[in-house]
C-alpha atoms as a PDB file:
ATOM      1  CA  MET A   1       0.000   0.000   0.000  1.00  0.00           C
ATOM      2  CA  GLU A   2       1.317   3.414  -0.999  1.00  0.00           C
ATOM      3  CA  LYS A   3       0.376   6.428   1.127  1.00  0.00           C
ATOM      4  CA  LEU A   4      -1.443   9.008  -0.973  1.00  0.00           C
ATOM      5  CA  ARG A   5      -0.173  12.561  -1.413  1.00  0.00           C
ATOM      6  CA  ILE A   6      -3.064  14.371  -3.072  1.00  0.00           C
ATOM      7  CA  VAL A   7      -3.357  17.555  -5.084  1.00  0.00           C
ATOM      8  CA  PHE A   8      -7.003  18.621  -5.263  1.00  0.00           C
ATOM      9  CA  MET A   9      -8.362  20.762  -8.133  1.00  0.00           C
ATOM     10  CA  GLY A  10     -11.789  22.395  -8.049  1.00  0.00           C
ATOM     11  CA  THR A  11     -13.678  25.681  -7.939  1.00  0.00           C
ATOM     12  CA  PRO A  12     -17.398  25.743  -6.903  1.00  0.00           C
ATOM     13  CA  ASP A  13     -19.347  24.665  -3.805  1.00  0.00           C
ATOM     14  CA  PHE A  14     -19.799  21.167  -5.223  1.00  0.00           C
ATOM     15  CA  ALA A  15     -16.020  20.675  -5.085  1.00  0.00           C
ATOM     16  CA  VAL A  16     -15.826  21.968  -1.503  1.00  0.00           C
ATOM     17  CA  GLY A  17     -17.990  19.120  -0.236  1.00  0.00           C
ATOM     18  CA  ILE A  18     -15.639  16.593  -1.815  1.00  0.00           C
ATOM     19  CA  LEU A  19     -12.472  18.270  -0.519  1.00  0.00           C
ATOM     20  CA  ASP A  20     -13.954  18.445   2.974  1.00  0.00           C
ATOM     21  CA  SER A  21     -14.685  14.712   2.894  1.00  0.00           C
ATOM     22  CA  ILE A  22     -11.127  13.908   1.769  1.00  0.00           C
ATOM     23  CA  LEU A  23      -9.681  15.840   4.700  1.00  0.00           C
ATOM     24  CA  LYS A  24     -12.132  14.410   7.225  1.00  0.00           C
ATOM     25  CA  ASN A  25     -11.110  10.935   6.110  1.00  0.00           C
ATOM     26  CA  GLU A  26      -7.528  11.916   6.997  1.00  0.00           C
ATOM     27  CA  TYR A  27      -5.996  11.795   3.548  1.00  0.00           C
ATOM     28  CA  GLU A  28      -3.006  14.048   3.010  1.00  0.00           C
ATOM     29  CA  VAL A  29      -3.746  17.006   0.720  1.00  0.00           C
ATOM     30  CA  VAL A  30      -0.431  18.605  -0.248  1.00  0.00           C
ATOM     31  CA  GLY A  31      -1.933  21.271  -2.481  1.00  0.00           C
ATOM     32  CA  VAL A  32      -5.185  22.802  -3.704  1.00  0.00           C
ATOM     33  CA  ILE A  33      -5.570  24.368  -7.148  1.00  0.00           C
ATOM     34  CA  THR A  34      -8.493  26.623  -7.945  1.00  0.00           C
ATOM     35  CA  ALA A  35      -9.521  29.380 -10.354  1.00  0.00           C
ATOM     36  CA  ALA A  36      -7.867  32.787 -10.266  1.00  0.00           C
ATOM     37  CA  ASP A  37      -9.774  35.544  -8.452  1.00  0.00           C
ATOM     38  CA  LYS A  38     -12.239  37.461 -10.602  1.00  0.00           C
ATOM     39  CA  PRO A  39     -14.228  40.673 -10.151  1.00  0.00           C
ATOM     40  CA  ALA A  40     -17.941  39.986  -9.777  1.00  0.00           C
ATOM     41  CA  GLY A  41     -21.210  41.803  -9.195  1.00  0.00           C
ATOM     42  CA  ARG A  42     -22.162  45.412  -9.744  1.00  0.00           C
ATOM     43  CA  GLY A  43     -19.241  46.694  -7.707  1.00  0.00           C
ATOM     44  CA  GLN A  44     -16.798  44.411  -9.531  1.00  0.00           C
ATOM     45  CA  LYS A  45     -15.295  43.393  -6.209  1.00  0.00           C
ATOM     46  CA  ILE A  46     -12.761  40.578  -6.258  1.00  0.00           C
ATOM     47  CA  LYS A  47     -14.522  37.293  -5.518  1.00  0.00           C
ATOM     48  CA  TYR A  48     -12.786  34.171  -4.229  1.00  0.00           C
ATOM     49  CA  SER A  49     -13.895  30.752  -5.424  1.00  0.00           C
ATOM     50  CA  ALA A  50     -15.667  28.540  -2.886  1.00  0.00           C
ATOM     51  CA  VAL A  51     -12.670  26.191  -2.908  1.00  0.00           C
ATOM     52  CA  LYS A  52     -10.282  29.075  -2.177  1.00  0.00           C
ATOM     53  CA  GLU A  53     -12.407  30.171   0.780  1.00  0.00           C
ATOM     54  CA  TYR A  54     -12.295  26.629   2.143  1.00  0.00           C
ATOM     55  CA  ALA A  55      -8.557  26.222   1.503  1.00  0.00           C
ATOM     56  CA  LEU A  56      -7.747  29.467   3.320  1.00  0.00           C
ATOM     57  CA  ALA A  57      -9.979  28.559   6.262  1.00  0.00           C
ATOM     58  CA  ASN A  58      -8.199  25.204   6.587  1.00  0.00           C
ATOM     59  CA  ASN A  59      -4.641  26.455   5.999  1.00  0.00           C
ATOM     60  CA  LEU A  60      -4.146  24.404   2.845  1.00  0.00           C
ATOM     61  CA  ASN A  61      -1.366  25.082   0.345  1.00  0.00           C
ATOM     62  CA  LEU A  62      -3.115  27.044  -2.440  1.00  0.00           C
ATOM     63  CA  LEU A  63      -2.200  27.668  -6.090  1.00  0.00           C
ATOM     64  CA  GLN A  64      -4.208  29.821  -8.531  1.00  0.00           C
ATOM     65  CA  PRO A  65      -2.651  29.574 -11.977  1.00  0.00           C
ATOM     66  CA  THR A  66      -4.082  31.557 -14.867  1.00  0.00           C
ATOM     67  CA  ASN A  67      -2.208  29.386 -17.370  1.00  0.00           C
ATOM     68  CA  LEU A  68      -1.980  25.672 -16.621  1.00  0.00           C
ATOM     69  CA  LYS A  69       0.953  25.317 -19.001  1.00  0.00           C
ATOM     70  CA  ASP A  70       2.994  28.096 -17.399  1.00  0.00           C
ATOM     71  CA  GLU A  71       6.500  26.838 -16.579  1.00  0.00           C
ATOM     72  CA  ASP A  72       6.514  28.379 -13.104  1.00  0.00           C
ATOM     73  CA  PHE A  73       3.209  26.724 -12.229  1.00  0.00           C
ATOM     74  CA  ILE A  74       4.379  23.365 -13.579  1.00  0.00           C
ATOM     75  CA  ALA A  75       7.507  23.653 -11.429  1.00  0.00           C
ATOM     76  CA  GLU A  76       5.423  24.511  -8.332  1.00  0.00           C
ATOM     77  CA  LEU A  77       3.091  21.598  -9.007  1.00  0.00           C
ATOM     78  CA  HIS A  78       5.988  19.194  -9.485  1.00  0.00           C
ATOM     79  CA  ALA A  79       7.579  20.395  -6.232  1.00  0.00           C
ATOM     80  CA  LEU A  80       4.506  19.301  -4.267  1.00  0.00           C
ATOM     81  CA  ASN A  81       5.581  15.724  -4.995  1.00  0.00           C
ATOM     82  CA  ALA A  82       2.000  14.462  -5.208  1.00  0.00           C
ATOM     83  CA  ASN A  83       1.379  10.915  -6.377  1.00  0.00           C
ATOM     84  CA  LEU A  84      -2.331  11.463  -7.150  1.00  0.00           C
ATOM     85  CA  GLN A  85      -4.516  14.326  -8.350  1.00  0.00           C
ATOM     86  CA  VAL A  86      -8.260  14.604  -7.754  1.00  0.00           C
ATOM     87  CA  VAL A  87     -10.320  16.914  -9.973  1.00  0.00           C
ATOM     88  CA  VAL A  88     -13.884  18.070  -9.242  1.00  0.00           C
ATOM     89  CA  ALA A  89     -15.623  20.768 -11.311  1.00  0.00           C
ATOM     90  CA  PHE A  90     -12.456  22.469 -12.502  1.00  0.00           C
ATOM     91  CA  ARG A  91     -11.400  22.828 -16.126  1.00  0.00           C
ATOM     92  CA  MET A  92      -9.735  20.818 -18.875  1.00  0.00           C
ATOM     93  CA  LEU A  93      -6.146  19.958 -17.956  1.00  0.00           C
ATOM     94  CA  PRO A  94      -3.160  19.824 -20.309  1.00  0.00           C
ATOM     95  CA  GLN A  95      -1.351  16.493 -20.485  1.00  0.00           C
ATOM     96  CA  VAL A  96       1.685  17.919 -18.721  1.00  0.00           C
ATOM     97  CA  VAL A  97      -0.556  18.333 -15.658  1.00  0.00           C
ATOM     98  CA  TRP A  98      -2.819  15.270 -15.663  1.00  0.00           C
ATOM     99  CA  ALA A  99       0.016  12.882 -16.542  1.00  0.00           C
ATOM    100  CA  MET A 100       2.359  14.188 -13.831  1.00  0.00           C
ATOM    101  CA  PRO A 101       1.525  12.081 -10.735  1.00  0.00           C
ATOM    102  CA  LYS A 102       2.612   8.448 -10.532  1.00  0.00           C
ATOM    103  CA  LEU A 103      -0.867   7.149  -9.674  1.00  0.00           C
ATOM    104  CA  GLY A 104      -2.679   9.335 -12.184  1.00  0.00           C
ATOM    105  CA  THR A 105      -5.353  12.020 -12.084  1.00  0.00           C
ATOM    106  CA  PHE A 106      -8.998  11.135 -11.591  1.00  0.00           C
ATOM    107  CA  ASN A 107     -12.112  13.238 -11.990  1.00  0.00           C
ATOM    108  CA  LEU A 108     -15.487  13.077 -10.267  1.00  0.00           C
ATOM    109  CA  HIS A 109     -18.276  13.784 -12.763  1.00  0.00           C
ATOM    110  CA  ALA A 110     -21.909  14.316 -11.716  1.00  0.00           C
ATOM    111  CA  SER A 111     -23.506  11.874 -14.144  1.00  0.00           C
ATOM    112  CA  LEU A 112     -23.556   8.224 -15.094  1.00  0.00           C
ATOM    113  CA  LEU A 113     -20.959   8.335 -17.835  1.00  0.00           C
ATOM    114  CA  PRO A 114     -20.834   8.152 -20.783  1.00  0.00           C
ATOM    115  CA  ASP A 115     -24.136  10.086 -20.629  1.00  0.00           C
ATOM    116  CA  TYR A 116     -23.963  13.807 -19.907  1.00  0.00           C
ATOM    117  CA  ARG A 117     -20.357  14.515 -20.640  1.00  0.00           C
ATOM    118  CA  GLY A 118     -19.828  18.255 -20.417  1.00  0.00           C
ATOM    119  CA  ALA A 119     -20.475  21.313 -18.322  1.00  0.00           C
ATOM    120  CA  ALA A 120     -24.000  20.941 -16.886  1.00  0.00           C
ATOM    121  CA  PRO A 121     -24.858  17.274 -16.200  1.00  0.00           C
ATOM    122  CA  ILE A 122     -27.035  17.915 -13.138  1.00  0.00           C
ATOM    123  CA  ASN A 123     -29.253  20.403 -14.953  1.00  0.00           C
ATOM    124  CA  TRP A 124     -29.706  18.375 -18.124  1.00  0.00           C
ATOM    125  CA  ALA A 125     -30.681  15.167 -16.308  1.00  0.00           C
ATOM    126  CA  ILE A 126     -33.709  17.006 -14.870  1.00  0.00           C
ATOM    127  CA  ILE A 127     -34.428  19.003 -18.031  1.00  0.00           C
ATOM    128  CA  ASN A 128     -34.599  15.754 -20.021  1.00  0.00           C
ATOM    129  CA  GLY A 129     -36.961  14.171 -17.513  1.00  0.00           C
ATOM    130  CA  ASP A 130     -34.600  11.390 -16.399  1.00  0.00           C
ATOM    131  CA  GLU A 131     -35.631   9.286 -13.416  1.00  0.00           C
ATOM    132  CA  LYS A 132     -32.091   8.518 -12.257  1.00  0.00           C
ATOM    133  CA  THR A 133     -28.607   9.960 -12.394  1.00  0.00           C
ATOM    134  CA  GLY A 134     -25.433   9.547 -10.371  1.00  0.00           C
ATOM    135  CA  VAL A 135     -21.702  10.144 -10.205  1.00  0.00           C
ATOM    136  CA  THR A 136     -18.686   8.584 -11.876  1.00  0.00           C
ATOM    137  CA  THR A 137     -14.979   8.640 -11.087  1.00  0.00           C
ATOM    138  CA  PHE A 138     -12.623   8.132 -14.019  1.00  0.00           C
ATOM    139  CA  PHE A 139      -8.984   8.644 -14.916  1.00  0.00           C
ATOM    140  CA  ILE A 140      -8.496  11.743 -17.051  1.00  0.00           C
ATOM    141  CA  ASP A 141      -7.201  11.425 -20.599  1.00  0.00           C
ATOM    142  CA  ASP A 142      -6.749  13.905 -23.451  1.00  0.00           C
ATOM    143  CA  LYS A 143     -10.486  14.359 -24.151  1.00  0.00           C
ATOM    144  CA  ILE A 144     -13.387  15.672 -22.056  1.00  0.00           C
ATOM    145  CA  ASP A 145     -14.971  13.127 -19.686  1.00  0.00           C
ATOM    146  CA  THR A 146     -13.954  10.106 -21.779  1.00  0.00           C
ATOM    147  CA  GLY A 147     -11.399   8.323 -19.579  1.00  0.00           C
ATOM    148  CA  ALA A 148     -11.568   4.809 -18.142  1.00  0.00           C
ATOM    149  CA  MET A 149     -14.113   4.611 -15.313  1.00  0.00           C
ATOM    150  CA  ILE A 150     -13.218   3.575 -11.775  1.00  0.00           C
ATOM    151  CA  LEU A 151     -16.572   3.707  -9.938  1.00  0.00           C
ATOM    152  CA  SER A 152     -20.142   4.651 -10.787  1.00  0.00           C
ATOM    153  CA  ARG A 153     -22.917   5.197  -8.237  1.00  0.00           C
ATOM    154  CA  GLU A 154     -26.525   6.101  -9.014  1.00  0.00           C
ATOM    155  CA  LEU A 155     -29.514   7.679  -7.283  1.00  0.00           C
ATOM    156  CA  ASN A 156     -33.132   8.371  -8.185  1.00  0.00           C
ATOM    157  CA  ILE A 157     -34.288  11.840  -9.214  1.00  0.00           C
ATOM    158  CA  GLU A 158     -37.358  12.808  -7.177  1.00  0.00           C
ATOM    159  CA  ALA A 159     -40.503  13.827  -9.054  1.00  0.00           C
ATOM    160  CA  GLU A 160     -40.498  17.508  -8.052  1.00  0.00           C
ATOM    161  CA  GLU A 161     -36.773  17.886  -7.397  1.00  0.00           C
ATOM    162  CA  ASN A 162     -34.873  20.895  -8.729  1.00  0.00           C
ATOM    163  CA  ALA A 163     -31.237  21.271  -9.694  1.00  0.00           C
ATOM    164  CA  GLY A 164     -30.335  22.747  -6.311  1.00  0.00           C
ATOM    165  CA  SER A 165     -31.498  19.785  -4.244  1.00  0.00           C
ATOM    166  CA  LEU A 166     -30.087  17.277  -6.739  1.00  0.00           C
ATOM    167  CA  HIS A 167     -26.755  19.135  -6.652  1.00  0.00           C
ATOM    168  CA  ASP A 168     -26.585  18.696  -2.868  1.00  0.00           C
ATOM    169  CA  ARG A 169     -27.512  15.013  -2.941  1.00  0.00           C
ATOM    170  CA  LEU A 170     -24.986  14.307  -5.692  1.00  0.00           C
ATOM    171  CA  MET A 171     -22.310  16.161  -3.724  1.00  0.00           C
ATOM    172  CA  HIS A 172     -22.834  13.808  -0.773  1.00  0.00           C
ATOM    173  CA  LEU A 173     -22.908  10.756  -3.045  1.00  0.00           C
ATOM    174  CA  GLY A 174     -19.824  12.089  -4.823  1.00  0.00           C
ATOM    175  CA  ALA A 175     -17.946  12.550  -1.560  1.00  0.00           C
ATOM    176  CA  ASP A 176     -18.580   8.924  -0.603  1.00  0.00           C
ATOM    177  CA  THR A 177     -17.616   7.741  -4.094  1.00  0.00           C
ATOM    178  CA  VAL A 178     -14.351   9.696  -4.059  1.00  0.00           C
ATOM    179  CA  ILE A 179     -13.427   8.148  -0.698  1.00  0.00           C
ATOM    180  CA  GLU A 180     -14.201   4.682  -2.112  1.00  0.00           C
ATOM    181  CA  THR A 181     -12.042   5.510  -5.134  1.00  0.00           C
ATOM    182  CA  LEU A 182      -9.131   6.698  -2.978  1.00  0.00           C
ATOM    183  CA  ASP A 183      -9.300   3.464  -0.989  1.00  0.00           C
ATOM    184  CA  LEU A 184      -9.192   1.367  -4.170  1.00  0.00           C
ATOM    185  CA  ILE A 185      -6.227   3.314  -5.544  1.00  0.00           C
ATOM    186  CA  GLU A 186      -4.357   3.226  -2.250  1.00  0.00           C
ATOM    187  CA  ASN A 187      -4.816  -0.543  -1.997  1.00  0.00           C
ATOM    188  CA  GLN A 188      -4.147  -1.182  -5.710  1.00  0.00           C
ATOM    189  CA  LYS A 189      -7.585  -2.726  -6.244  1.00  0.00           C
ATOM    190  CA  VAL A 190      -8.825  -0.594  -9.143  1.00  0.00           C
ATOM    191  CA  ASN A 191     -10.702  -2.399 -11.940  1.00  0.00           C
ATOM    192  CA  LEU A 192     -11.211  -0.013 -14.850  1.00  0.00           C
ATOM    193  CA  THR A 193     -14.155   0.042 -17.255  1.00  0.00           C
ATOM    194  CA  VAL A 194     -13.669   1.605 -20.678  1.00  0.00           C
ATOM    195  CA  GLN A 195     -16.490   3.957 -21.684  1.00  0.00           C
ATOM    196  CA  LYS A 196     -18.552   2.648 -24.593  1.00  0.00           C
ATOM    197  CA  GLU A 197     -19.445   5.161 -27.283  1.00  0.00           C
ATOM    198  CA  SER A 198     -22.956   5.123 -28.756  1.00  0.00           C
ATOM    199  CA  HIS A 199     -24.932   7.287 -31.153  1.00  0.00           C
ATOM    200  CA  ASP A 200     -27.655   8.065 -28.587  1.00  0.00           C
ATOM    201  CA  MET A 201     -25.509   9.341 -25.702  1.00  0.00           C
ATOM    202  CA  LYS A 202     -27.067  12.274 -23.851  1.00  0.00           C
ATOM    203  CA  THR A 203     -25.065  15.499 -23.737  1.00  0.00           C
ATOM    204  CA  ALA A 204     -24.639  18.184 -21.063  1.00  0.00           C
ATOM    205  CA  ASN A 205     -23.992  21.266 -23.156  1.00  0.00           C
ATOM    206  CA  LYS A 206     -23.036  24.503 -21.459  1.00  0.00           C
ATOM    207  CA  LEU A 207     -26.045  26.517 -20.353  1.00  0.00           C
ATOM    208  CA  ASN A 208     -26.628  29.857 -22.041  1.00  0.00           C
ATOM    209  CA  LYS A 209     -29.343  32.446 -22.451  1.00  0.00           C
ATOM    210  CA  ASP A 210     -30.852  30.670 -25.451  1.00  0.00           C
ATOM    211  CA  ASN A 211     -31.224  27.194 -23.979  1.00  0.00           C
ATOM    212  CA  CYS A 212     -32.536  28.608 -20.682  1.00  0.00           C
ATOM    213  CA  LYS A 213     -35.416  30.456 -22.373  1.00  0.00           C
ATOM    214  CA  ILE A 214     -38.849  28.893 -21.989  1.00  0.00           C
ATOM    215  CA  ASP A 215     -40.544  27.817 -25.215  1.00  0.00           C
ATOM    216  CA  TRP A 216     -44.256  27.865 -24.427  1.00  0.00           C
ATOM    217  CA  ASN A 217     -44.958  25.681 -27.468  1.00  0.00           C
ATOM    218  CA  GLN A 218     -43.281  22.759 -25.720  1.00  0.00           C
ATOM    219  CA  SER A 219     -45.337  20.290 -23.700  1.00  0.00           C
ATOM    220  CA  GLY A 220     -46.301  21.297 -20.174  1.00  0.00           C
ATOM    221  CA  LYS A 221     -44.148  18.505 -18.741  1.00  0.00           C
ATOM    222  CA  SER A 222     -41.103  19.642 -20.743  1.00  0.00           C
ATOM    223  CA  ILE A 223     -41.531  23.248 -19.591  1.00  0.00           C
ATOM    224  CA  SER A 224     -41.911  22.129 -15.983  1.00  0.00           C
ATOM    225  CA  ASN A 225     -38.738  20.025 -16.280  1.00  0.00           C
ATOM    226  CA  LEU A 226     -36.820  22.964 -17.754  1.00  0.00           C
ATOM    227  CA  ILE A 227     -37.821  25.229 -14.860  1.00  0.00           C
ATOM    228  CA  ARG A 228     -36.863  22.590 -12.259  1.00  0.00           C
ATOM    229  CA  GLY A 229     -33.625  21.791 -14.062  1.00  0.00           C
ATOM    230  CA  LEU A 230     -32.521  25.437 -14.034  1.00  0.00           C
ATOM    231  CA  SER A 231     -33.586  26.300 -10.476  1.00  0.00           C
ATOM    232  CA  PRO A 232     -32.134  27.995  -8.536  1.00  0.00           C
ATOM    233  CA  TYR A 233     -29.352  28.705 -11.020  1.00  0.00           C
ATOM    234  CA  PRO A 234     -29.088  29.963 -13.700  1.00  0.00           C
ATOM    235  CA  SER A 235     -32.941  29.960 -13.873  1.00  0.00           C
ATOM    236  CA  ALA A 236     -35.396  29.620 -16.734  1.00  0.00           C
ATOM    237  CA  TRP A 237     -36.771  32.849 -18.166  1.00  0.00           C
ATOM    238  CA  PHE A 238     -39.278  34.339 -20.601  1.00  0.00           C
ATOM    239  CA  ILE A 239     -40.381  37.710 -21.930  1.00  0.00           C
ATOM    240  CA  LEU A 240     -43.786  39.006 -20.899  1.00  0.00           C
ATOM    241  CA  HIS A 241     -45.411  41.430 -23.333  1.00  0.00           C
ATOM    242  CA  ASP A 242     -47.766  43.586 -21.282  1.00  0.00           C
ATOM    243  CA  ASN A 243     -49.203  46.653 -23.035  1.00  0.00           C
ATOM    244  CA  GLU A 244     -46.132  48.569 -24.224  1.00  0.00           C
ATOM    245  CA  LYS A 245     -43.741  46.851 -21.808  1.00  0.00           C
ATOM    246  CA  GLU A 246     -41.464  43.869 -22.289  1.00  0.00           C
ATOM    247  CA  LEU A 247     -40.540  42.265 -18.971  1.00  0.00           C
ATOM    248  CA  ASN A 248     -37.716  39.739 -18.720  1.00  0.00           C
ATOM    249  CA  ILE A 249     -38.934  37.365 -16.001  1.00  0.00           C
ATOM    250  CA  LYS A 250     -37.023  34.546 -14.277  1.00  0.00           C
ATOM    251  CA  VAL A 251     -38.968  31.509 -13.051  1.00  0.00           C
ATOM    252  CA  TYR A 252     -37.799  29.356 -10.128  1.00  0.00           C
ATOM    253  CA  GLU A 253     -40.810  27.217  -9.303  1.00  0.00           C
ATOM    254  CA  SER A 254     -43.899  26.192 -11.209  1.00  0.00           C
ATOM    255  CA  LYS A 255     -46.699  23.640 -11.322  1.00  0.00           C
ATOM    256  CA  TRP A 256     -48.000  21.831 -14.396  1.00  0.00           C
ATOM    257  CA  ILE A 257     -51.804  21.698 -14.458  1.00  0.00           C
ATOM    258  CA  GLU A 258     -53.492  19.539 -17.086  1.00  0.00           C
ATOM    259  CA  ASP A 259     -56.763  21.120 -18.163  1.00  0.00           C
ATOM    260  CA  ALA A 260     -58.664  21.655 -21.412  1.00  0.00           C
ATOM    261  CA  HIS A 261     -58.998  25.324 -22.411  1.00  0.00           C
ATOM    262  CA  ASP A 262     -59.455  27.634 -25.391  1.00  0.00           C
ATOM    263  CA  PHE A 263     -56.735  30.159 -24.597  1.00  0.00           C
ATOM    264  CA  LYS A 264     -53.994  30.912 -27.083  1.00  0.00           C
ATOM    265  CA  THR A 265     -50.617  29.383 -26.192  1.00  0.00           C
ATOM    266  CA  GLY A 266     -48.649  31.942 -24.178  1.00  0.00           C
ATOM    267  CA  SER A 267     -51.694  33.731 -22.756  1.00  0.00           C
ATOM    268  CA  PHE A 268     -50.715  35.155 -19.356  1.00  0.00           C
ATOM    269  CA  LEU A 269     -53.551  34.783 -16.871  1.00  0.00           C
ATOM    270  CA  ALA A 270     -53.380  36.501 -13.491  1.00  0.00           C
ATOM    271  CA  ASP A 271     -55.922  37.038 -10.724  1.00  0.00           C
ATOM    272  CA  LYS A 272     -55.521  38.111  -7.097  1.00  0.00           C
ATOM    273  CA  ASN A 273     -53.826  34.885  -6.042  1.00  0.00           C
ATOM    274  CA  THR A 274     -52.345  33.069  -9.041  1.00  0.00           C
ATOM    275  CA  MET A 275     -50.566  33.626 -12.301  1.00  0.00           C
ATOM    276  CA  LYS A 276     -50.302  31.046 -15.043  1.00  0.00           C
ATOM    277  CA  VAL A 277     -49.442  30.676 -18.699  1.00  0.00           C
ATOM    278  CA  ALA A 278     -51.655  28.747 -21.090  1.00  0.00           C
ATOM    279  CA  VAL A 279     -49.937  25.943 -23.004  1.00  0.00           C
ATOM    280  CA  GLU A 280     -51.246  23.026 -25.012  1.00  0.00           C
ATOM    281  CA  GLY A 281     -53.369  20.814 -22.779  1.00  0.00           C
ATOM    282  CA  GLY A 282     -53.188  22.958 -19.668  1.00  0.00           C
ATOM    283  CA  TYR A 283     -51.346  25.658 -17.767  1.00  0.00           C
ATOM    284  CA  ILE A 284     -47.971  26.346 -16.215  1.00  0.00           C
ATOM    285  CA  GLN A 285     -48.755  27.953 -12.874  1.00  0.00           C
ATOM    286  CA  LEU A 286     -45.928  30.270 -11.826  1.00  0.00           C
ATOM    287  CA  LEU A 287     -45.169  29.946  -8.113  1.00  0.00           C
ATOM    288  CA  SER A 288     -41.823  31.687  -7.589  1.00  0.00           C
ATOM    289  CA  LEU A 289     -40.305  34.227  -9.936  1.00  0.00           C
ATOM    290  CA  GLN A 290     -38.289  37.412 -10.270  1.00  0.00           C
ATOM    291  CA  LEU A 291     -39.356  40.563 -12.087  1.00  0.00           C
ATOM    292  CA  PRO A 292     -36.743  42.961 -13.538  1.00  0.00           C
ATOM    293  CA  GLY A 293     -34.990  44.933 -10.801  1.00  0.00           C
ATOM    294  CA  LYS A 294     -36.780  42.999  -8.048  1.00  0.00           C
ATOM    295  CA  LYS A 295     -35.815  40.157  -5.754  1.00  0.00           C
ATOM    296  CA  LYS A 296     -37.113  36.604  -6.058  1.00  0.00           C
ATOM    297  CA  MET A 297     -40.693  36.468  -4.738  1.00  0.00           C
ATOM    298  CA  SER A 298     -43.732  34.215  -4.599  1.00  0.00           C
ATOM    299  CA  SER A 299     -46.379  34.913  -7.209  1.00  0.00           C
ATOM    300  CA  ARG A 300     -48.838  35.786  -4.451  1.00  0.00           C
ATOM    301  CA  ASP A 301     -46.515  38.481  -3.092  1.00  0.00           C
ATOM    302  CA  ILE A 302     -45.945  39.893  -6.562  1.00  0.00           C
ATOM    303  CA  LEU A 303     -49.690  40.077  -7.203  1.00  0.00           C
ATOM    304  CA  ASN A 304     -50.169  42.063  -3.985  1.00  0.00           C
ATOM    305  CA  GLY A 305     -48.463  45.045  -5.622  1.00  0.00           C
ATOM    306  CA  THR A 306     -48.505  44.395  -9.359  1.00  0.00           C
ATOM    307  CA  THR A 307     -51.283  44.146 -11.936  1.00  0.00           C
ATOM    308  CA  PHE A 308     -51.112  42.749 -15.427  1.00  0.00           C
ATOM    309  CA  SER A 309     -53.309  43.477 -18.417  1.00  0.00           C
ATOM    310  CA  ALA A 310     -55.890  40.958 -19.628  1.00  0.00           C
ATOM    311  CA  ASP A 311     -54.119  40.578 -22.973  1.00  0.00           C
ATOM    312  CA  ALA A 312     -50.572  40.043 -21.625  1.00  0.00           C
ATOM    313  CA  MET A 313     -48.642  37.357 -23.513  1.00  0.00           C
ATOM    314  CA  ALA A 314     -45.641  35.238 -22.586  1.00  0.00           C
ATOM    315  CA  ARG A 315     -43.104  34.835 -25.378  1.00  0.00           C
END
């Protein structure tokens, strides 16, 4: 058995949960690599990554390279004398980095590979209406999320679950799976499984403004899945045409109601207590949303101080 000397690479909250588990299981972390600081928000104040905040709070050796091929960074990384690297929600690594440690570099990915390779696997599993998902550990190679798999663990997606709650459950499952993976590597008991390519693999493309916009011509179930899959971040959205105004509205929670009606698709219907959009075969009731320049609110609270015209349309 060879004692592990780990370099951990990650950036968001999801990665923090994994790093915390590694430390609590008393593995030696000789270095942490995370994204460089960036200005954020209206004030453009410098914002630390979640992993940096955790590393500083726990007195971990921290590196923040802007260029992963930079000779000085490569020298610093080599000097850590790690024999294993663990990557969680970071970025694509050059071969000079992932091939450096003796025992390799493995990644934790929040899907059941080979499905949902890419940037947003948690979101797309819900958006596509899947009933299960999971996590996979695999050794990194020269492509994105294609390396030989070490472990795969699955869980069920709850009927009304959103991306936020699934993120948290996958983080806990991922932490356990990483610890299992470390134990296998440490005890030289790894049995690898090569990923099988197929023409119908599901993808996890990067989320952008276009693929987060609600298309009211889709089925009610598909719209509901999109809203759940993008909540709380980055959120689904639509444009409400109300008299001469165009309001860009974010939606965080909704309810699909099957019901026959004669309204035109996209008709925005609001009374004192509810707001909903007519779609084929029923309505999408809007429960939690955000109007321009306002904070996230329940529809009931919004309707206490806002009125909408009878001919308002969602586009």
